[in-house]
Amino acid sequence: MRIRIPEEIREARRVMRQRDQIPQSAQMEAERIVQQAQEQAEQMIRDEEIVKQAEAHALQLVEEAEERTDASREEMDLYALSMLRDLESRLESHLTSIRRGVAALDQSDAEPVEFDEEPA
């Protein structure tokens, strides 16, 4: 029995130490969980800020692309207008030449044209 009593006392002391360690361990685990949650929250805030910055940058890129597109469209319209005016001028010149030719032929209809016939 004497042997059992000291062993039981040792066991009781061990249980008491463990009992004291359990709240400490639980407190440490709780602190670790809180710290981890804070870190995750901070990361989410940083991620959200990165997303906001990316969205703002994307919006800026779209606006710049639209501005460049509008400018290019205006340049192309001016070029097309210039080319059409040049074509119009050339066609008017050709039309004038055609009208002169038609007028000349109309005047010559009044005068009979004789062709030399060659025997076949």
Protein backbone atom coordinates (compact mmCIF):
# COMPACT_ATOMS: atom_id res chain seq x y z
CA MET A 1 0.00 0.00 0.00
CA ARG A 2 2.76 2.36 0.73
CA ILE A 3 4.01 1.97 -2.74
CA ARG A 4 0.62 2.71 -4.17
CA ILE A 5 0.08 5.89 -2.19
CA PRO A 6 3.15 7.68 -3.51
CA GLU A 7 2.29 6.52 -6.99
CA GLU A 8 -1.26 7.77 -6.57
CA ILE A 9 0.09 11.06 -5.28
CA ARG A 10 2.35 11.32 -8.29
CA GLU A 11 -0.60 10.55 -10.54
CA ALA A 12 -2.67 13.18 -8.78
CA ARG A 13 0.12 15.73 -9.21
CA ARG A 14 0.40 14.86 -12.87
CA VAL A 15 -3.36 15.26 -13.30
CA MET A 16 -3.19 18.62 -11.48
CA ARG A 17 -0.37 19.78 -13.78
CA GLN A 18 -2.33 18.66 -16.82
CA ARG A 19 -5.41 20.38 -15.47
CA ASP A 20 -3.41 23.61 -15.21
CA GLN A 21 -1.93 23.09 -18.65
CA ILE A 22 -5.29 22.57 -20.35
CA PRO A 23 -6.49 26.18 -19.85
CA GLN A 24 -3.05 27.48 -20.83
CA SER A 25 -3.08 25.28 -23.92
CA ALA A 26 -6.61 26.33 -24.75
CA GLN A 27 -5.68 29.98 -24.27
CA MET A 28 -2.65 29.57 -26.52
CA GLU A 29 -4.79 27.83 -29.17
CA ALA A 30 -7.41 30.58 -28.92
CA GLU A 31 -4.71 33.25 -29.34
CA ARG A 32 -3.29 31.36 -32.32
CA ILE A 33 -6.76 31.15 -33.93
CA VAL A 34 -7.40 34.87 -33.31
CA GLN A 35 -4.00 35.76 -34.78
CA GLN A 36 -4.63 33.57 -37.81
CA ALA A 37 -8.08 35.15 -38.29
CA GLN A 38 -6.55 38.64 -38.10
CA GLU A 39 -3.92 37.71 -40.66
CA GLN A 40 -6.57 36.28 -42.98
CA ALA A 41 -8.69 39.41 -42.58
CA GLU A 42 -5.69 41.62 -43.37
CA GLN A 43 -4.90 39.49 -46.42
CA MET A 44 -8.49 39.74 -47.61
CA ILE A 45 -8.35 43.53 -47.21
CA ARG A 46 -5.08 43.63 -49.19
CA ASP A 47 -6.61 41.36 -51.84
CA GLU A 48 -9.70 43.55 -52.02
CA GLU A 49 -7.51 46.63 -52.46
CA ILE A 50 -5.55 44.87 -55.20
CA VAL A 51 -8.82 43.98 -56.94
CA LYS A 52 -10.01 47.59 -56.69
CA GLN A 53 -6.72 48.83 -58.13
CA ALA A 54 -6.89 46.27 -60.93
CA GLU A 55 -10.47 47.27 -61.75
CA ALA A 56 -9.51 50.96 -61.81
CA HIS A 57 -6.54 50.19 -64.05
CA ALA A 58 -8.71 48.09 -66.37
CA LEU A 59 -11.25 50.90 -66.59
CA GLN A 60 -8.49 53.36 -67.44
CA LEU A 61 -7.16 51.04 -70.15
CA VAL A 62 -10.63 50.68 -71.66
CA GLU A 63 -11.12 54.45 -71.69
CA GLU A 64 -7.72 54.98 -73.33
CA ALA A 65 -8.49 52.30 -75.93
CA GLU A 66 -11.83 53.94 -76.71
CA GLU A 67 -10.14 57.33 -77.09
CA ARG A 68 -7.53 55.85 -79.45
CA THR A 69 -10.28 54.06 -81.38
CA ASP A 70 -12.24 57.31 -81.76
CA ALA A 71 -9.11 59.15 -82.89
CA SER A 72 -8.26 56.40 -85.40
CA ARG A 73 -11.82 56.40 -86.69
CA GLU A 74 -11.67 60.17 -87.23
CA GLU A 75 -8.35 59.82 -89.08
CA MET A 76 -9.78 57.04 -91.27
CA ASP A 77 -12.90 59.10 -92.01
CA LEU A 78 -10.75 62.08 -93.05
CA TYR A 79 -8.61 59.83 -95.25
CA ALA A 80 -11.71 58.24 -96.83
CA LEU A 81 -13.24 61.68 -97.45
CA SER A 82 -10.02 62.87 -99.07
CA MET A 83 -9.90 59.80 -101.31
CA LEU A 84 -13.59 60.17 -102.27
CA ARG A 85 -13.11 63.85 -103.12
CA ASP A 86 -10.11 62.97 -105.29
CA LEU A 87 -12.13 60.24 -107.02
CA GLU A 88 -15.02 62.66 -107.51
CA SER A 89 -12.67 65.18 -109.08
CA ARG A 90 -11.22 62.58 -111.44
CA LEU A 91 -14.67 61.28 -112.37
CA GLU A 92 -15.87 64.83 -113.06
CA SER A 93 -12.85 65.34 -115.30
CA HIS A 94 -13.60 62.11 -117.16
CA LEU A 95 -17.30 62.98 -117.34
CA THR A 96 -16.41 66.35 -118.83
CA SER A 97 -14.26 64.59 -121.44
CA ILE A 98 -17.09 62.15 -122.18
CA ARG A 99 -19.61 64.98 -122.57
CA ARG A 100 -17.29 66.80 -124.96
CA GLY A 101 -16.94 63.61 -126.97
CA VAL A 102 -20.70 63.08 -127.03
CA ALA A 103 -21.25 66.71 -128.03
CA ALA A 104 -18.67 66.42 -130.79
CA LEU A 105 -20.34 63.29 -132.09
CA ASP A 106 -23.75 64.91 -131.91
CA GLN A 107 -22.48 67.78 -134.05
CA SER A 108 -20.92 65.41 -136.51
CA ASP A 109 -24.24 63.54 -136.87
CA ALA A 110 -25.49 66.63 -138.58
CA GLU A 111 -22.73 66.18 -141.14
CA PRO A 112 -22.73 62.81 -142.90
CA VAL A 113 -19.56 60.86 -142.48
CA GLU A 114 -18.40 58.88 -145.46
CA PHE A 115 -16.41 55.74 -145.10
CA ASP A 116 -14.19 54.39 -147.78
CA GLU A 117 -15.33 50.94 -148.59
CA GLU A 118 -12.77 48.46 -149.57
CA PRO A 119 -13.74 45.50 -151.69
CA ALA A 120 -13.62 42.25 -149.86
